[in-house]
Amino acid sequence: MRSWVDQCLPSHVQYACRYWVEHLQQSDIELCDNGQVHKFLEEHFLYWLEALSLIRKMSDGVVMMRTLESILTVSDSINDIIFLLAN
C-alpha cells in the first residue's frame, strides 16, 4: 500500500521537486529578474518547500537554494535571490 505522501505527491512530482534545480544548472540558462525561475519561486516557493518536507528532503532544498544563489552570482544578479528569500 502506498503512503499518503505518495498518494498526494506522485513519483514524478517528487522527482521534479528534488531535481529541477540540477536540471536548470545543467541547462546553462541565465537567470534574470522576472524570468521563469523568478516567477516560479514567487508563486510556488512555499509549496515546493512543503513538498520537500513531506518527502523528507528539506536539506536538499537548502543545497538547491545555494545552487540557485551561485547561478545568480555568476550572472551578477545576487540581489534577486536575496529578494526572493526575504519575501
N, C-alpha and C. Protein backbone atom coordinates (compact mmCIF):
# COMPACT_ATOMS: atom_id res chain seq x y z
N MET A 1 0.83 -1.18 0.00
CA MET A 1 0.00 0.00 0.00
C MET A 1 0.88 1.24 0.00
N ARG A 2 0.54 2.20 -0.82
CA ARG A 2 1.29 3.44 -0.92
C ARG A 2 1.00 4.34 0.28
N SER A 3 2.02 5.08 0.68
CA SER A 3 1.81 6.02 1.79
C SER A 3 0.96 7.19 1.31
N TRP A 4 0.42 7.93 2.26
CA TRP A 4 -0.41 9.07 1.89
C TRP A 4 0.41 10.13 1.18
N VAL A 5 1.72 10.24 1.49
CA VAL A 5 2.58 11.19 0.78
C VAL A 5 2.70 10.78 -0.68
N ASP A 6 2.90 9.48 -0.93
CA ASP A 6 3.00 9.01 -2.31
C ASP A 6 1.68 9.19 -3.07
N GLN A 7 0.58 9.11 -2.35
CA GLN A 7 -0.71 9.32 -2.99
C GLN A 7 -0.92 10.80 -3.35
N CYS A 8 -0.44 11.68 -2.47
CA CYS A 8 -0.61 13.12 -2.70
C CYS A 8 0.45 13.70 -3.64
N LEU A 9 1.64 13.12 -3.57
CA LEU A 9 2.75 13.59 -4.40
C LEU A 9 3.27 12.41 -5.22
N PRO A 10 2.76 12.24 -6.43
CA PRO A 10 3.21 11.12 -7.27
C PRO A 10 4.72 11.18 -7.50
N SER A 11 5.29 10.08 -7.90
CA SER A 11 6.74 9.98 -8.04
C SER A 11 7.31 11.03 -9.00
N HIS A 12 6.60 11.36 -10.07
CA HIS A 12 7.13 12.37 -11.00
C HIS A 12 7.15 13.76 -10.37
N VAL A 13 6.23 14.05 -9.47
CA VAL A 13 6.23 15.33 -8.77
C VAL A 13 7.37 15.36 -7.75
N GLN A 14 7.57 14.25 -7.05
CA GLN A 14 8.68 14.16 -6.11
C GLN A 14 10.01 14.34 -6.83
N TYR A 15 10.14 13.71 -7.99
CA TYR A 15 11.36 13.85 -8.79
C TYR A 15 11.57 15.32 -9.18
N ALA A 16 10.53 15.96 -9.67
CA ALA A 16 10.63 17.36 -10.09
C ALA A 16 11.05 18.25 -8.92
N CYS A 17 10.48 18.02 -7.76
CA CYS A 17 10.82 18.81 -6.58
C CYS A 17 12.28 18.65 -6.19
N ARG A 18 12.80 17.46 -6.35
CA ARG A 18 14.17 17.17 -5.94
C ARG A 18 15.22 17.59 -6.96
N TYR A 19 14.88 17.57 -8.24
CA TYR A 19 15.93 17.71 -9.26
C TYR A 19 15.78 18.88 -10.21
N TRP A 20 14.76 19.74 -10.07
CA TRP A 20 14.59 20.81 -11.04
C TRP A 20 15.76 21.78 -11.06
N VAL A 21 16.35 22.05 -9.92
CA VAL A 21 17.47 22.99 -9.88
C VAL A 21 18.70 22.37 -10.57
N GLU A 22 18.90 21.09 -10.37
CA GLU A 22 20.02 20.41 -11.04
C GLU A 22 19.85 20.47 -12.55
N HIS A 23 18.65 20.22 -13.03
CA HIS A 23 18.39 20.30 -14.47
C HIS A 23 18.58 21.73 -14.97
N LEU A 24 18.14 22.69 -14.18
CA LEU A 24 18.30 24.10 -14.53
C LEU A 24 19.79 24.44 -14.64
N GLN A 25 20.57 23.97 -13.68
CA GLN A 25 22.00 24.25 -13.67
C GLN A 25 22.68 23.64 -14.91
N GLN A 26 22.28 22.45 -15.28
CA GLN A 26 22.88 21.77 -16.44
C GLN A 26 22.46 22.43 -17.76
N SER A 27 21.38 23.18 -17.74
CA SER A 27 20.89 23.80 -18.97
C SER A 27 21.67 25.07 -19.32
N ASP A 28 22.46 25.58 -18.41
CA ASP A 28 23.22 26.81 -18.62
C ASP A 28 22.34 28.02 -18.92
N ILE A 29 21.11 27.97 -18.44
CA ILE A 29 20.20 29.10 -18.63
C ILE A 29 20.67 30.25 -17.74
N GLU A 30 20.51 31.46 -18.21
CA GLU A 30 20.86 32.62 -17.41
C GLU A 30 19.60 33.09 -16.68
N LEU A 31 19.69 33.18 -15.39
CA LEU A 31 18.55 33.62 -14.59
C LEU A 31 18.45 35.14 -14.63
N CYS A 32 17.24 35.62 -14.72
CA CYS A 32 17.04 37.07 -14.78
C CYS A 32 15.81 37.46 -13.98
N ASP A 33 15.79 38.73 -13.63
CA ASP A 33 14.66 39.28 -12.90
C ASP A 33 13.39 39.13 -13.72
N ASN A 34 12.34 38.65 -13.06
CA ASN A 34 11.04 38.41 -13.69
C ASN A 34 11.06 37.29 -14.73
N GLY A 35 12.11 36.49 -14.73
CA GLY A 35 12.17 35.33 -15.62
C GLY A 35 11.33 34.19 -15.07
N GLN A 36 11.37 33.07 -15.75
CA GLN A 36 10.54 31.92 -15.37
C GLN A 36 10.86 31.41 -13.97
N VAL A 37 12.13 31.34 -13.61
CA VAL A 37 12.50 30.84 -12.28
C VAL A 37 12.04 31.82 -11.21
N HIS A 38 12.23 33.08 -11.46
CA HIS A 38 11.78 34.12 -10.53
C HIS A 38 10.27 33.98 -10.29
N LYS A 39 9.52 33.88 -11.38
CA LYS A 39 8.06 33.77 -11.27
C LYS A 39 7.66 32.48 -10.56
N PHE A 40 8.35 31.38 -10.87
CA PHE A 40 8.06 30.11 -10.21
C PHE A 40 8.25 30.25 -8.70
N LEU A 41 9.37 30.82 -8.29
CA LEU A 41 9.65 30.96 -6.87
C LEU A 41 8.66 31.91 -6.19
N GLU A 42 8.27 32.97 -6.87
CA GLU A 42 7.29 33.88 -6.30
C GLU A 42 5.96 33.17 -6.04
N GLU A 43 5.56 32.29 -6.94
CA GLU A 43 4.25 31.64 -6.84
C GLU A 43 4.27 30.32 -6.08
N HIS A 44 5.37 29.59 -6.15
CA HIS A 44 5.36 28.20 -5.67
C HIS A 44 6.43 27.86 -4.63
N PHE A 45 7.20 28.85 -4.20
CA PHE A 45 8.31 28.58 -3.28
C PHE A 45 7.87 27.81 -2.03
N LEU A 46 6.83 28.28 -1.37
CA LEU A 46 6.38 27.63 -0.13
C LEU A 46 5.82 26.23 -0.39
N TYR A 47 5.14 26.05 -1.51
CA TYR A 47 4.62 24.72 -1.86
C TYR A 47 5.77 23.76 -2.13
N TRP A 48 6.79 24.27 -2.80
CA TRP A 48 7.97 23.45 -3.08
C TRP A 48 8.64 23.01 -1.78
N LEU A 49 8.82 23.96 -0.87
CA LEU A 49 9.42 23.62 0.43
C LEU A 49 8.56 22.62 1.20
N GLU A 50 7.26 22.80 1.14
CA GLU A 50 6.35 21.87 1.82
C GLU A 50 6.48 20.47 1.23
N ALA A 51 6.53 20.38 -0.08
CA ALA A 51 6.68 19.08 -0.73
C ALA A 51 8.01 18.43 -0.33
N LEU A 52 9.09 19.21 -0.32
CA LEU A 52 10.38 18.67 0.12
C LEU A 52 10.31 18.17 1.55
N SER A 53 9.61 18.90 2.39
CA SER A 53 9.46 18.49 3.78
C SER A 53 8.70 17.17 3.87
N LEU A 54 7.63 17.05 3.11
CA LEU A 54 6.82 15.83 3.14
C LEU A 54 7.59 14.60 2.67
N ILE A 55 8.48 14.80 1.70
CA ILE A 55 9.27 13.65 1.21
C ILE A 55 10.61 13.53 1.93
N ARG A 56 10.73 14.32 3.00
CA ARG A 56 11.91 14.29 3.87
C ARG A 56 13.21 14.62 3.12
N LYS A 57 13.13 15.66 2.31
CA LYS A 57 14.29 16.11 1.54
C LYS A 57 14.51 17.62 1.72
N MET A 58 14.13 18.13 2.87
CA MET A 58 14.27 19.56 3.12
C MET A 58 15.73 20.01 3.04
N SER A 59 16.65 19.18 3.49
CA SER A 59 18.06 19.57 3.41
C SER A 59 18.50 19.73 1.96
N ASP A 60 17.89 18.97 1.06
CA ASP A 60 18.18 19.15 -0.37
C ASP A 60 17.74 20.53 -0.84
N GLY A 61 16.67 21.04 -0.26
CA GLY A 61 16.18 22.37 -0.60
C GLY A 61 17.20 23.45 -0.27
N VAL A 62 17.88 23.28 0.85
CA VAL A 62 18.91 24.24 1.24
C VAL A 62 20.04 24.23 0.21
N VAL A 63 20.45 23.04 -0.18
CA VAL A 63 21.51 22.91 -1.19
C VAL A 63 21.05 23.51 -2.51
N MET A 64 19.81 23.27 -2.89
CA MET A 64 19.30 23.82 -4.15
C MET A 64 19.25 25.34 -4.11
N MET A 65 18.89 25.92 -2.97
CA MET A 65 18.86 27.38 -2.87
C MET A 65 20.27 27.94 -2.98
N ARG A 66 21.24 27.25 -2.41
CA ARG A 66 22.64 27.69 -2.56
C ARG A 66 23.08 27.58 -4.01
N THR A 67 22.63 26.54 -4.69
CA THR A 67 22.96 26.38 -6.10
C THR A 67 22.35 27.52 -6.91
N LEU A 68 21.10 27.84 -6.64
CA LEU A 68 20.47 28.97 -7.34
C LEU A 68 21.23 30.27 -7.06
N GLU A 69 21.64 30.43 -5.84
CA GLU A 69 22.40 31.63 -5.48
C GLU A 69 23.70 31.69 -6.28
N SER A 70 24.38 30.56 -6.44
CA SER A 70 25.63 30.56 -7.19
C SER A 70 25.39 30.86 -8.67
N ILE A 71 24.29 30.40 -9.21
CA ILE A 71 23.96 30.70 -10.60
C ILE A 71 23.71 32.20 -10.74
N LEU A 72 23.02 32.78 -9.79
CA LEU A 72 22.74 34.21 -9.83
C LEU A 72 24.01 35.03 -9.62
N THR A 73 24.89 34.56 -8.79
CA THR A 73 26.15 35.26 -8.57
C THR A 73 26.93 35.35 -9.88
N VAL A 74 26.95 34.25 -10.62
CA VAL A 74 27.66 34.22 -11.89
C VAL A 74 27.06 35.23 -12.85
N SER A 75 25.75 35.39 -12.80
CA SER A 75 25.10 36.33 -13.71
C SER A 75 24.96 37.73 -13.09
N ASP A 76 25.66 37.99 -11.98
CA ASP A 76 25.65 39.29 -11.32
C ASP A 76 24.26 39.72 -10.88
N SER A 77 23.42 38.79 -10.46
CA SER A 77 22.07 39.12 -10.03
C SER A 77 21.80 38.62 -8.63
N ILE A 78 22.75 38.69 -7.73
CA ILE A 78 22.59 38.17 -6.39
C ILE A 78 21.45 38.85 -5.65
N ASN A 79 21.17 40.09 -5.95
CA ASN A 79 20.07 40.78 -5.27
C ASN A 79 18.73 40.13 -5.53
N ASP A 80 18.57 39.48 -6.68
CA ASP A 80 17.31 38.79 -7.00
C ASP A 80 17.06 37.66 -6.01
N ILE A 81 18.05 36.84 -5.74
CA ILE A 81 17.85 35.70 -4.83
C ILE A 81 17.63 36.20 -3.41
N ILE A 82 18.32 37.27 -3.02
CA ILE A 82 18.13 37.82 -1.69
C ILE A 82 16.69 38.32 -1.56
N PHE A 83 16.20 38.97 -2.59
CA PHE A 83 14.82 39.46 -2.60
C PHE A 83 13.85 38.30 -2.48
N LEU A 84 14.08 37.23 -3.25
CA LEU A 84 13.18 36.09 -3.22
C LEU A 84 13.17 35.41 -1.85
N LEU A 85 14.32 35.29 -1.25
CA LEU A 85 14.40 34.64 0.06
C LEU A 85 13.78 35.50 1.15
N ALA A 86 13.85 36.81 1.00
CA ALA A 86 13.32 37.71 2.01
C ALA A 86 11.79 37.81 1.95
N ASN A 87 11.22 37.48 0.81
CA ASN A 87 9.77 37.63 0.66
C ASN A 87 9.05 36.33 0.75
